[in-house]
Structures are given as structure tokens and as C-alpha cells.
C-alpha atoms as a PDB file:
ATOM      1  CA  MET A   1       1.240-153.400   5.858  1.00  0.00           C
ATOM      2  CA  ILE A   2       0.432-153.761   9.529  1.00  0.00           C
ATOM      3  CA  LEU A   3      -3.213-154.426   8.687  1.00  0.00           C
ATOM      4  CA  ALA A   4      -2.200-157.149   6.251  1.00  0.00           C
ATOM      5  CA  ALA A   5      -0.024-158.843   8.882  1.00  0.00           C
ATOM      6  CA  LEU A   6      -2.791-158.554  11.481  1.00  0.00           C
ATOM      7  CA  HIS A   7      -5.279-159.949   8.986  1.00  0.00           C
ATOM      8  CA  ASP A   8      -3.037-162.959   8.287  1.00  0.00           C
ATOM      9  CA  ALA A   9      -2.446-163.541  11.995  1.00  0.00           C
ATOM     10  CA  VAL A  10      -6.174-163.528  12.780  1.00  0.00           C
ATOM     11  CA  LEU A  11      -6.999-165.846   9.891  1.00  0.00           C
ATOM     12  CA  ALA A  12      -4.252-168.246  10.961  1.00  0.00           C
ATOM     13  CA  GLU A  13      -5.906-168.632  14.388  1.00  0.00           C
ATOM     14  CA  ILE A  14      -9.409-169.310  13.043  1.00  0.00           C
ATOM     15  CA  SER A  15      -9.937-172.927  12.083  1.00  0.00           C
ATOM     16  CA  ASN A  16     -12.261-174.072   9.356  1.00  0.00           C
ATOM     17  CA  PRO A  17     -15.355-175.438  11.148  1.00  0.00           C
ATOM     18  CA  GLU A  18     -16.699-178.768   9.926  1.00  0.00           C
ATOM     19  CA  PRO A  19     -20.449-179.095   9.458  1.00  0.00           C
ATOM     20  CA  GLU A  20     -22.336-181.401  11.771  1.00  0.00           C
ATOM     21  CA  ALA A  21     -25.898-182.618  11.732  1.00  0.00           C
ATOM     22  CA  PRO A  22     -28.502-181.016  14.000  1.00  0.00           C
ATOM     23  CA  PRO A  23     -29.488-183.013  17.107  1.00  0.00           C
ATOM     24  CA  VAL A  24     -32.741-184.429  15.675  1.00  0.00           C
ATOM     25  CA  ALA A  25     -31.643-184.782  12.040  1.00  0.00           C
ATOM     26  CA  ASP A  26     -31.773-188.587  12.095  1.00  0.00           C
ATOM     27  CA  LYS A  27     -35.386-188.576  13.328  1.00  0.00           C
ATOM     28  CA  LEU A  28     -36.392-186.006  10.707  1.00  0.00           C
ATOM     29  CA  MET A  29     -34.751-188.047   7.953  1.00  0.00           C
ATOM     30  CA  GLN A  30     -36.544-191.181   9.162  1.00  0.00           C
ATOM     31  CA  MET A  31     -39.860-189.301   9.174  1.00  0.00           C
ATOM     32  CA  GLY A  32     -39.137-188.091   5.634  1.00  0.00           C
ATOM     33  CA  ARG A  33     -38.459-191.666   4.481  1.00  0.00           C
ATOM     34  CA  TYR A  34     -41.717-192.869   6.052  1.00  0.00           C
ATOM     35  CA  PHE A  35     -43.572-190.014   4.374  1.00  0.00           C
ATOM     36  CA  THR A  36     -42.017-190.941   1.018  1.00  0.00           C
ATOM     37  CA  TRP A  37     -43.154-194.548   1.382  1.00  0.00           C
ATOM     38  CA  LEU A  38     -46.649-193.394   2.361  1.00  0.00           C
ATOM     39  CA  ILE A  39     -46.852-191.180  -0.739  1.00  0.00           C
ATOM     40  CA  GLN A  40     -45.695-194.023  -2.996  1.00  0.00           C
ATOM     41  CA  LEU A  41     -48.098-196.500  -1.407  1.00  0.00           C
ATOM     42  CA  SER A  42     -51.032-194.110  -1.771  1.00  0.00           C
ATOM     43  CA  GLY A  43     -50.130-193.493  -5.430  1.00  0.00           C
ATOM     44  CA  VAL A  44     -49.967-197.200  -6.247  1.00  0.00           C
ATOM     45  CA  THR A  45     -53.227-197.778  -4.370  1.00  0.00           C
ATOM     46  CA  ALA A  46     -54.966-194.926  -6.230  1.00  0.00           C
ATOM     47  CA  ILE A  47     -53.821-196.191  -9.635  1.00  0.00           C
ATOM     48  CA  SER A  48     -54.856-199.767  -8.771  1.00  0.00           C
ATOM     49  CA  TYR A  49     -58.257-198.620  -7.528  1.00  0.00           C
ATOM     50  CA  GLY A  50     -58.733-196.440 -10.621  1.00  0.00           C
ATOM     51  CA  GLY A  51     -57.836-199.375 -12.889  1.00  0.00           C
ATOM     52  CA  GLY A  52     -60.308-201.660 -11.131  1.00  0.00           C
ATOM     53  CA  ARG A  53     -63.004-199.037 -11.315  1.00  0.00           C
ATOM     54  CA  PHE A  54     -62.223-198.462 -14.994  1.00  0.00           C
ATOM     55  CA  ALA A  55     -62.717-202.199 -15.666  1.00  0.00           C
ATOM     56  CA  TRP A  56     -65.980-202.177 -13.694  1.00  0.00           C
ATOM     57  CA  GLU A  57     -67.308-199.148 -15.578  1.00  0.00           C
ATOM     58  CA  LYS A  58     -66.426-200.728 -18.941  1.00  0.00           C
ATOM     59  CA  TRP A  59     -68.062-204.017 -17.944  1.00  0.00           C
ATOM     60  CA  SER A  60     -71.242-202.455 -16.552  1.00  0.00           C
ATOM     61  CA  GLY A  61     -71.530-199.867 -19.335  1.00  0.00           C
ATOM     62  CA  GLY A  62     -71.674-196.855 -17.009  1.00  0.00           C
ATOM     63  CA  GLY A  63     -70.120-193.444 -17.463  1.00  0.00           C
ATOM     64  CA  LEU A  64     -66.349-193.292 -17.460  1.00  0.00           C
ATOM     65  CA  GLN A  65     -65.070-191.340 -14.459  1.00  0.00           C
ATOM     66  CA  SER A  66     -62.048-193.498 -13.695  1.00  0.00           C
ATOM     67  CA  PRO A  67     -59.690-192.159 -16.402  1.00  0.00           C
ATOM     68  CA  LYS A  68     -59.786-188.840 -14.534  1.00  0.00           C
ATOM     69  CA  MET A  69     -58.875-190.660 -11.311  1.00  0.00           C
ATOM     70  CA  ILE A  70     -55.932-192.420 -12.965  1.00  0.00           C
ATOM     71  CA  ALA A  71     -54.711-189.194 -14.569  1.00  0.00           C
ATOM     72  CA  SER A  72     -54.993-187.387 -11.221  1.00  0.00           C
ATOM     73  CA  ALA A  73     -53.046-190.130  -9.437  1.00  0.00           C
ATOM     74  CA  MET A  74     -50.314-189.993 -12.069  1.00  0.00           C
ATOM     75  CA  ALA A  75     -50.144-186.192 -11.874  1.00  0.00           C
ATOM     76  CA  GLY A  76     -49.888-186.457  -8.085  1.00  0.00           C
ATOM     77  CA  GLY A  77     -47.034-188.935  -8.481  1.00  0.00           C
ATOM     78  CA  VAL A  78     -45.198-186.553 -10.790  1.00  0.00           C
ATOM     79  CA  VAL A  79     -45.632-183.698  -8.317  1.00  0.00           C
ATOM     80  CA  ALA A  80     -44.467-185.855  -5.385  1.00  0.00           C
ATOM     81  CA  THR A  81     -41.436-187.103  -7.329  1.00  0.00           C
ATOM     82  CA  SER A  82     -40.534-183.598  -8.477  1.00  0.00           C
ATOM     83  CA  ALA A  83     -40.861-182.230  -4.957  1.00  0.00           C
ATOM     84  CA  GLY A  84     -38.349-184.764  -3.661  1.00  0.00           C
ATOM     85  CA  THR A  85     -35.896-183.954  -6.433  1.00  0.00           C
ATOM     86  CA  ILE A  86     -36.236-180.208  -5.880  1.00  0.00           C
ATOM     87  CA  MET A  87     -35.758-180.576  -2.124  1.00  0.00           C
ATOM     88  CA  ASN A  88     -32.647-182.712  -2.648  1.00  0.00           C
ATOM     89  CA  ALA A  89     -31.221-180.057  -4.952  1.00  0.00           C
ATOM     90  CA  VAL A  90     -31.956-177.306  -2.420  1.00  0.00           C
ATOM     91  CA  ILE A  91     -30.441-179.209   0.488  1.00  0.00           C
END
């Protein structure tokens, strides 16, 4: 009984701490946003370059290597998008 009263008294004195952001959280979030834009820009550039190369290879009659480039860029985009979603779920 005494332990229960002591337990209640101690818990009454302890406040519920509110979470606060770390000191450099805003800079890290800004760096993450820049990195996201860089990933998206590189993906769009890779798909555009692959499409142009695909047209050139079809026009010149050479071997087709560009479908692999386009597929790789799309797979990279899926991985980058999934990584962001997974990290948001973890955080």
C-alpha cells in the first residue's frame, strides 16, 4: 500500500515531456529535399536521354541498347520512390 502511494506520488511529479526537433533538423530536412529533387531530375534526364538514343538507334538501324537504359532508369525511380516511402514510415 505504501509502495502504491509512493508510486503515485512520484508519477504525479514527473511531467510528460514533449518531443522537440534536434538542433540541425531543419538543415537535414532541406538537404533531404534537395537530394530528392536531384534524384527526380536525374531520373527524368536518364529517361529522356534513353528515349532520344532509342529514336537514334531506330533511325540509324544500329543495335538496340537503349531499352535497357530506359528500363534501368525506371527501376531506379521505383527504388528511389520506395526508399522515400519506407523512410517516411520508419520516421
